[in-house]
N, C-alpha and C. Protein backbone atom coordinates (compact mmCIF):
# COMPACT_ATOMS: atom_id res chain seq x y z
N MET A 1 -29.91 16.74 -32.61
CA MET A 1 -29.31 15.65 -31.76
C MET A 1 -30.26 14.71 -31.36
N VAL A 2 -29.92 13.18 -31.89
CA VAL A 2 -30.53 12.26 -31.44
C VAL A 2 -31.13 12.14 -29.77
N LEU A 3 -29.71 11.95 -29.54
CA LEU A 3 -29.33 11.80 -27.74
C LEU A 3 -30.23 12.62 -27.21
N LYS A 4 -30.20 13.82 -27.30
CA LYS A 4 -31.35 14.83 -26.47
C LYS A 4 -32.63 14.58 -26.09
N LYS A 5 -33.47 13.38 -26.94
CA LYS A 5 -34.35 13.07 -27.43
C LYS A 5 -34.89 12.06 -26.17
N PHE A 6 -33.74 10.96 -26.00
CA PHE A 6 -33.66 10.28 -24.94
C PHE A 6 -34.54 10.06 -23.94
N PRO A 7 -33.86 11.57 -22.86
CA PRO A 7 -35.07 11.58 -21.83
C PRO A 7 -36.49 12.11 -21.76
N LYS A 8 -36.86 12.73 -23.13
CA LYS A 8 -38.22 12.63 -23.00
C LYS A 8 -39.36 11.15 -23.59
N MET A 9 -37.51 10.17 -24.04
CA MET A 9 -38.71 8.64 -24.14
C MET A 9 -38.42 8.05 -22.71
N ASN A 10 -38.11 8.87 -21.65
CA ASN A 10 -38.43 7.86 -19.97
C ASN A 10 -36.73 7.21 -20.37
N LEU A 11 -35.90 7.48 -20.86
CA LEU A 11 -34.23 6.75 -20.99
C LEU A 11 -34.05 7.83 -19.92
N ASN A 12 -32.72 6.99 -18.96
CA ASN A 12 -32.17 7.66 -18.71
C ASN A 12 -30.47 7.81 -18.94
N ASN A 13 -29.71 8.80 -18.87
CA ASN A 13 -28.62 9.12 -19.63
C ASN A 13 -27.78 8.71 -18.01
N SER A 14 -26.44 7.48 -18.31
CA SER A 14 -26.05 7.27 -17.46
C SER A 14 -24.47 7.90 -17.66
N GLN A 15 -23.96 8.53 -16.78
CA GLN A 15 -22.52 9.07 -16.72
C GLN A 15 -21.41 8.44 -17.66
N ASN A 16 -20.07 8.86 -18.06
CA ASN A 16 -19.17 7.92 -18.97
C ASN A 16 -19.17 7.06 -18.27
N LEU A 17 -19.29 5.63 -18.74
CA LEU A 17 -18.73 4.18 -18.09
C LEU A 17 -16.81 3.82 -18.12
N SER A 18 -16.78 4.11 -19.29
CA SER A 18 -15.70 4.28 -19.71
C SER A 18 -14.98 4.98 -20.56
N THR A 19 -13.62 5.27 -20.37
CA THR A 19 -12.61 6.09 -21.66
C THR A 19 -11.73 5.19 -21.86
N ILE A 20 -11.15 5.17 -23.21
CA ILE A 20 -10.50 4.45 -23.44
C ILE A 20 -9.76 5.24 -24.72
N GLU A 21 -8.08 4.52 -24.40
CA GLU A 21 -7.27 4.82 -25.84
C GLU A 21 -7.03 4.23 -26.59
N SER A 22 -7.18 3.93 -28.33
CA SER A 22 -7.34 2.62 -29.12
C SER A 22 -6.64 3.48 -30.37
N ASN A 23 -5.23 2.91 -30.52
CA ASN A 23 -4.62 3.53 -31.86
C ASN A 23 -5.10 5.31 -32.02
N ASP A 24 -4.57 5.97 -31.37
CA ASP A 24 -4.52 6.85 -31.05
C ASP A 24 -5.78 8.09 -31.41
N LYS A 25 -6.76 6.98 -30.07
CA LYS A 25 -8.35 7.74 -30.61
C LYS A 25 -8.33 7.49 -29.25
N THR A 26 -9.72 8.19 -28.50
CA THR A 26 -10.06 8.52 -27.42
C THR A 26 -11.71 8.41 -27.70
N ILE A 27 -11.85 6.90 -26.90
CA ILE A 27 -13.37 6.34 -27.36
C ILE A 27 -13.94 6.76 -25.34
N LYS A 28 -15.46 7.36 -25.88
CA LYS A 28 -15.82 7.31 -24.99
C LYS A 28 -17.35 6.32 -24.58
N LYS A 29 -17.30 5.78 -23.77
CA LYS A 29 -18.89 4.94 -23.61
C LYS A 29 -19.90 5.73 -23.12
N TYR A 30 -21.47 5.66 -23.51
CA TYR A 30 -22.09 6.02 -22.52
C TYR A 30 -23.12 4.91 -22.93
N GLN A 31 -24.07 4.96 -21.86
CA GLN A 31 -25.43 3.84 -21.65
C GLN A 31 -26.93 5.05 -21.95
N TYR A 32 -28.18 4.20 -21.75
CA TYR A 32 -28.99 4.88 -21.59
C TYR A 32 -30.00 3.63 -21.16
N SER A 33 -30.50 3.96 -20.08
CA SER A 33 -31.66 2.45 -19.27
C SER A 33 -33.08 3.43 -19.18
N ASP A 34 -33.86 1.97 -19.35
CA ASP A 34 -35.31 2.81 -18.68
C ASP A 34 -35.12 2.68 -16.86
N ASN A 35 -36.08 2.93 -16.59
CA ASN A 35 -36.36 2.61 -14.80
C ASN A 35 -35.73 1.29 -14.86
N ASN A 36 -36.24 -0.03 -15.37
CA ASN A 36 -35.64 -0.83 -15.04
C ASN A 36 -34.53 -1.70 -14.92
N GLY A 37 -33.66 -0.65 -15.47
CA GLY A 37 -32.02 -1.44 -15.17
C GLY A 37 -31.75 -1.60 -17.18
N SER A 38 -32.80 -2.01 -17.78
CA SER A 38 -32.78 -2.45 -18.94
C SER A 38 -31.90 -1.44 -19.97
N VAL A 39 -30.86 -1.51 -21.23
CA VAL A 39 -30.19 -0.87 -21.60
C VAL A 39 -30.87 -0.57 -23.00
N TYR A 40 -31.19 0.28 -23.45
CA TYR A 40 -31.79 0.14 -25.10
C TYR A 40 -31.23 0.85 -26.26
N VAL A 41 -29.67 1.80 -25.20
CA VAL A 41 -28.79 2.53 -25.98
C VAL A 41 -27.44 2.52 -25.84
N GLU A 42 -26.54 1.90 -26.47
CA GLU A 42 -25.44 2.17 -26.12
C GLU A 42 -24.47 2.89 -26.85
N HIS A 43 -23.89 4.15 -26.56
CA HIS A 43 -23.35 5.24 -27.21
C HIS A 43 -21.43 5.16 -27.29
N TYR A 44 -21.03 5.31 -28.34
CA TYR A 44 -19.73 4.89 -28.28
C TYR A 44 -19.60 6.53 -29.03
N LYS A 45 -18.48 7.67 -28.04
CA LYS A 45 -17.92 8.74 -29.20
C LYS A 45 -16.94 8.21 -28.95
N ILE A 46 -16.11 8.29 -30.12
CA ILE A 46 -15.00 8.21 -31.05
C ILE A 46 -14.17 10.15 -31.23
N ILE A 47 -13.48 10.43 -30.44
CA ILE A 47 -12.94 11.71 -30.46
C ILE A 47 -12.02 12.22 -31.40
N ASN A 48 -12.55 13.05 -32.31
CA ASN A 48 -11.45 13.10 -33.08
C ASN A 48 -11.77 11.98 -34.32
N GLY A 49 -12.88 10.85 -34.30
CA GLY A 49 -12.78 10.00 -35.32
C GLY A 49 -13.46 9.88 -37.03
N GLY A 50 -14.21 11.10 -37.12
CA GLY A 50 -15.25 11.26 -38.00
C GLY A 50 -15.85 10.27 -38.56
N HIS A 51 -15.98 10.38 -39.95
CA HIS A 51 -17.17 9.54 -40.27
C HIS A 51 -16.63 8.53 -41.21
N THR A 52 -15.65 7.41 -40.98
CA THR A 52 -14.97 6.31 -40.89
C THR A 52 -15.76 5.28 -40.41
N TRP A 53 -14.71 4.03 -41.12
CA TRP A 53 -15.79 2.50 -40.20
C TRP A 53 -13.90 2.14 -39.75
N ASP A 54 -13.36 2.35 -39.19
CA ASP A 54 -12.07 1.68 -38.93
C ASP A 54 -12.27 0.16 -37.99
N GLU A 55 -11.89 -0.46 -38.61
CA GLU A 55 -12.08 -1.72 -37.61
C GLU A 55 -10.33 -1.82 -37.09
N ASN A 56 -9.68 -1.20 -36.77
CA ASN A 56 -8.64 -1.34 -36.06
C ASN A 56 -8.79 -0.31 -34.63
N VAL A 57 -9.74 0.07 -34.72
CA VAL A 57 -10.22 0.98 -33.27
C VAL A 57 -10.58 -0.05 -32.38
N ILE A 58 -10.41 -0.49 -31.67
CA ILE A 58 -10.68 -1.25 -30.66
C ILE A 58 -11.02 -1.30 -28.89
N PHE A 59 -12.51 -1.49 -28.31
CA PHE A 59 -12.67 -1.44 -27.48
C PHE A 59 -13.05 -2.05 -26.40
N GLU A 60 -12.43 -2.38 -25.25
CA GLU A 60 -12.16 -3.66 -24.40
C GLU A 60 -11.95 -5.12 -25.62
N GLY A 61 -11.18 -4.33 -25.85
CA GLY A 61 -10.96 -6.04 -26.86
C GLY A 61 -12.00 -6.54 -28.60
N LYS A 62 -12.82 -5.65 -28.21
CA LYS A 62 -13.53 -5.94 -29.08
C LYS A 62 -13.71 -4.68 -30.25
N ASN A 63 -14.12 -4.92 -31.84
CA ASN A 63 -13.96 -3.92 -32.64
C ASN A 63 -15.18 -3.06 -32.81
N LYS A 64 -15.52 -2.47 -34.02
CA LYS A 64 -17.18 -2.07 -33.80
C LYS A 64 -17.77 -2.87 -34.30
N SER A 65 -17.53 -3.86 -35.48
CA SER A 65 -18.55 -5.01 -35.63
C SER A 65 -19.45 -5.97 -34.55
N LYS A 66 -18.04 -6.19 -33.73
CA LYS A 66 -18.19 -6.99 -32.66
C LYS A 66 -19.24 -6.52 -31.58
N LEU A 67 -18.73 -5.21 -31.30
CA LEU A 67 -19.84 -4.09 -30.51
C LEU A 67 -20.95 -4.28 -30.94
N ILE A 68 -21.05 -3.54 -32.19
CA ILE A 68 -23.00 -4.03 -32.57
C ILE A 68 -23.84 -5.47 -32.40
N TRP A 69 -22.76 -5.99 -32.94
CA TRP A 69 -23.36 -7.38 -32.82
C TRP A 69 -23.93 -7.75 -30.88
N ASP A 70 -22.61 -7.70 -30.36
CA ASP A 70 -22.81 -7.90 -28.92
C ASP A 70 -24.43 -7.19 -28.39
N PHE A 71 -24.73 -5.48 -28.73
CA PHE A 71 -25.35 -5.02 -28.58
C PHE A 71 -26.96 -5.56 -28.76
N PHE A 72 -26.83 -5.56 -30.60
CA PHE A 72 -28.97 -5.89 -30.72
C PHE A 72 -28.61 -7.80 -31.07
N SER A 73 -27.99 -8.22 -30.40
CA SER A 73 -27.93 -10.04 -30.01
C SER A 73 -28.37 -9.90 -28.85
N LYS A 74 -28.52 -9.07 -27.64
CA LYS A 74 -29.86 -8.59 -26.65
C LYS A 74 -31.28 -8.53 -26.55
N PHE A 75 -31.69 -8.31 -27.61
CA PHE A 75 -32.82 -8.17 -27.97
C PHE A 75 -33.31 -8.71 -29.10
N ASP A 76 -34.88 -9.13 -29.03
CA ASP A 76 -35.70 -9.48 -29.60
C ASP A 76 -36.64 -8.57 -30.17
N LEU A 77 -37.90 -8.65 -31.33
CA LEU A 77 -39.11 -8.35 -31.81
C LEU A 77 -39.47 -7.83 -30.42
N ASN A 78 -39.57 -8.03 -29.48
CA ASN A 78 -39.97 -7.81 -28.05
C ASN A 78 -39.97 -7.02 -27.33
N GLY A 79 -38.28 -6.57 -27.41
CA GLY A 79 -37.62 -6.13 -26.38
C GLY A 79 -35.98 -7.01 -26.08
N PRO A 80 -35.62 -6.65 -24.94
CA PRO A 80 -34.66 -6.95 -24.29
C PRO A 80 -34.98 -8.77 -24.05
N ILE A 81 -33.94 -9.73 -24.39
CA ILE A 81 -33.93 -10.74 -23.98
C ILE A 81 -33.80 -11.16 -22.87
N ASN A 82 -34.13 -11.70 -21.98
CA ASN A 82 -34.17 -11.57 -20.37
C ASN A 82 -33.48 -13.08 -19.96
């Protein structure tokens, strides 16, 4: 599993930051950051979500596409945008 490799990459595993219910699904959010606190990975775990792209699942007011855009828009080719 890819997430198990993050400690070897000097990324720190935060605890489960939040858990919500959306359209009968439980969603858990995790973040992995470096020692400076820059977040390099956001992991949204949808319990019993399967391998589907359900835009009706909303996390903190955002669908999956918006969550992805919000994360990647924080970076450029050099890393995090400060």
